[in-house]
Amino acid sequence: MCFKRKPGLGRYNGSRAEWYCAYRNARVLQRDGREPNPATAGIEWKASLIVAFERNGSGDPLQGPVASRLTMNRLIDELLA
């Protein structure tokens, strides 16, 4: 018998506005040089981990200028095509 997994993030489930606020606060804390605080929980903790330990190693992609991000996306699309 196969049970379908229900979509959701559990305790990290929140609205777009809550995630936006959490990411913004995490970027401010990261810019000030502070590490993620394990005493926080939920969305704030997850956002601080994502911002602090970017998987691609290039830092926070939302801090870069829009023009350079668009150029990079176009270049990647050209390489993949």
C-alpha atoms as a PDB file:
ATOM      1  CA  MET A   1       0.000   0.000   0.000  1.00  0.00           C
ATOM      2  CA  CYS A   2       1.396   3.392  -0.993  1.00  0.00           C
ATOM      3  CA  PHE A   3       0.635   6.501   1.005  1.00  0.00           C
ATOM      4  CA  LYS A   4       1.192   9.872  -0.579  1.00  0.00           C
ATOM      5  CA  ARG A   5       3.268  12.302   1.397  1.00  0.00           C
ATOM      6  CA  LYS A   6       1.455  15.427   2.435  1.00  0.00           C
ATOM      7  CA  PRO A   7       3.130  18.660   1.311  1.00  0.00           C
ATOM      8  CA  GLY A   8       4.295  21.025   3.979  1.00  0.00           C
ATOM      9  CA  LEU A   9       7.275  22.024   6.020  1.00  0.00           C
ATOM     10  CA  GLY A  10       5.951  21.121   9.452  1.00  0.00           C
ATOM     11  CA  ARG A  11       7.110  23.658  11.982  1.00  0.00           C
ATOM     12  CA  TYR A  12       8.733  25.644   9.168  1.00  0.00           C
ATOM     13  CA  ASN A  13       5.393  26.142   7.450  1.00  0.00           C
ATOM     14  CA  GLY A  14       4.615  29.831   7.247  1.00  0.00           C
ATOM     15  CA  SER A  15       3.354  32.529   4.959  1.00  0.00           C
ATOM     16  CA  ARG A  16       5.476  34.281   2.381  1.00  0.00           C
ATOM     17  CA  ALA A  17       5.505  37.421   4.516  1.00  0.00           C
ATOM     18  CA  GLU A  18       6.830  35.491   7.526  1.00  0.00           C
ATOM     19  CA  TRP A  19       9.623  33.914   5.449  1.00  0.00           C
ATOM     20  CA  TYR A  20      10.478  37.282   3.898  1.00  0.00           C
ATOM     21  CA  CYS A  21      10.801  38.868   7.332  1.00  0.00           C
ATOM     22  CA  ALA A  22      12.847  35.929   8.643  1.00  0.00           C
ATOM     23  CA  TYR A  23      15.252  36.069   5.668  1.00  0.00           C
ATOM     24  CA  ARG A  24      15.639  39.811   6.047  1.00  0.00           C
ATOM     25  CA  ASN A  25      16.461  39.487   9.748  1.00  0.00           C
ATOM     26  CA  ALA A  26      18.864  36.626   9.018  1.00  0.00           C
ATOM     27  CA  ARG A  27      20.698  38.678   6.372  1.00  0.00           C
ATOM     28  CA  VAL A  28      21.041  41.586   8.813  1.00  0.00           C
ATOM     29  CA  LEU A  29      22.445  39.271  11.499  1.00  0.00           C
ATOM     30  CA  GLN A  30      24.833  37.683   8.999  1.00  0.00           C
ATOM     31  CA  ARG A  31      26.012  41.101   7.802  1.00  0.00           C
ATOM     32  CA  ASP A  32      26.778  42.024  11.418  1.00  0.00           C
ATOM     33  CA  GLY A  33      28.932  38.898  11.683  1.00  0.00           C
ATOM     34  CA  ARG A  34      26.714  36.985  14.076  1.00  0.00           C
ATOM     35  CA  GLU A  35      26.314  33.210  13.834  1.00  0.00           C
ATOM     36  CA  PRO A  36      22.882  31.496  13.819  1.00  0.00           C
ATOM     37  CA  ASN A  37      21.440  31.296  17.320  1.00  0.00           C
ATOM     38  CA  PRO A  38      20.267  27.767  18.218  1.00  0.00           C
ATOM     39  CA  ALA A  39      17.968  29.243  20.870  1.00  0.00           C
ATOM     40  CA  THR A  40      15.659  30.491  18.114  1.00  0.00           C
ATOM     41  CA  ALA A  41      13.181  28.075  16.611  1.00  0.00           C
ATOM     42  CA  GLY A  42      10.976  27.662  13.602  1.00  0.00           C
ATOM     43  CA  ILE A  43      11.228  29.882  10.568  1.00  0.00           C
ATOM     44  CA  GLU A  44      13.810  32.247  12.076  1.00  0.00           C
ATOM     45  CA  TRP A  45      16.188  29.350  12.802  1.00  0.00           C
ATOM     46  CA  LYS A  46      15.789  27.797   9.350  1.00  0.00           C
ATOM     47  CA  ALA A  47      16.248  31.138   7.558  1.00  0.00           C
ATOM     48  CA  SER A  48      19.381  31.937   9.564  1.00  0.00           C
ATOM     49  CA  LEU A  49      20.862  28.527   8.700  1.00  0.00           C
ATOM     50  CA  ILE A  50      20.097  28.964   5.003  1.00  0.00           C
ATOM     51  CA  VAL A  51      21.640  32.438   4.870  1.00  0.00           C
ATOM     52  CA  ALA A  52      24.688  31.515   6.975  1.00  0.00           C
ATOM     53  CA  PHE A  53      25.532  28.276   5.175  1.00  0.00           C
ATOM     54  CA  GLU A  54      24.705  28.859   1.519  1.00  0.00           C
ATOM     55  CA  ARG A  55      25.004  25.614  -0.412  1.00  0.00           C
ATOM     56  CA  ASN A  56      26.753  27.118  -3.424  1.00  0.00           C
ATOM     57  CA  GLY A  57      29.286  29.028  -1.337  1.00  0.00           C
ATOM     58  CA  SER A  58      28.673  32.345  -3.075  1.00  0.00           C
ATOM     59  CA  GLY A  59      26.987  34.012  -0.114  1.00  0.00           C
ATOM     60  CA  ASP A  60      23.504  35.414  -0.059  1.00  0.00           C
ATOM     61  CA  PRO A  61      22.218  35.724  -3.639  1.00  0.00           C
ATOM     62  CA  LEU A  62      19.709  38.410  -2.649  1.00  0.00           C
ATOM     63  CA  GLN A  63      22.507  40.857  -1.779  1.00  0.00           C
ATOM     64  CA  GLY A  64      23.942  41.021  -5.296  1.00  0.00           C
ATOM     65  CA  PRO A  65      22.802  43.579  -7.833  1.00  0.00           C
ATOM     66  CA  VAL A  66      19.896  42.569 -10.037  1.00  0.00           C
ATOM     67  CA  ALA A  67      21.780  43.297 -13.263  1.00  0.00           C
ATOM     68  CA  SER A  68      24.578  40.859 -12.423  1.00  0.00           C
ATOM     69  CA  ARG A  69      22.094  38.157 -11.420  1.00  0.00           C
ATOM     70  CA  LEU A  70      20.219  38.549 -14.703  1.00  0.00           C
ATOM     71  CA  THR A  71      23.469  38.418 -16.654  1.00  0.00           C
ATOM     72  CA  MET A  72      24.509  35.279 -14.812  1.00  0.00           C
ATOM     73  CA  ASN A  73      21.142  33.616 -15.473  1.00  0.00           C
ATOM     74  CA  ARG A  74      21.349  34.466 -19.180  1.00  0.00           C
ATOM     75  CA  LEU A  75      24.878  33.082 -19.379  1.00  0.00           C
ATOM     76  CA  ILE A  76      23.849  29.853 -17.671  1.00  0.00           C
ATOM     77  CA  ASP A  77      20.854  29.509 -20.006  1.00  0.00           C
ATOM     78  CA  GLU A  78      23.127  29.987 -23.035  1.00  0.00           C
ATOM     79  CA  LEU A  79      25.569  27.374 -21.770  1.00  0.00           C
ATOM     80  CA  LEU A  80      22.809  24.856 -21.139  1.00  0.00           C
ATOM     81  CA  ALA A  81      21.170  25.437 -24.540  1.00  0.00           C
END
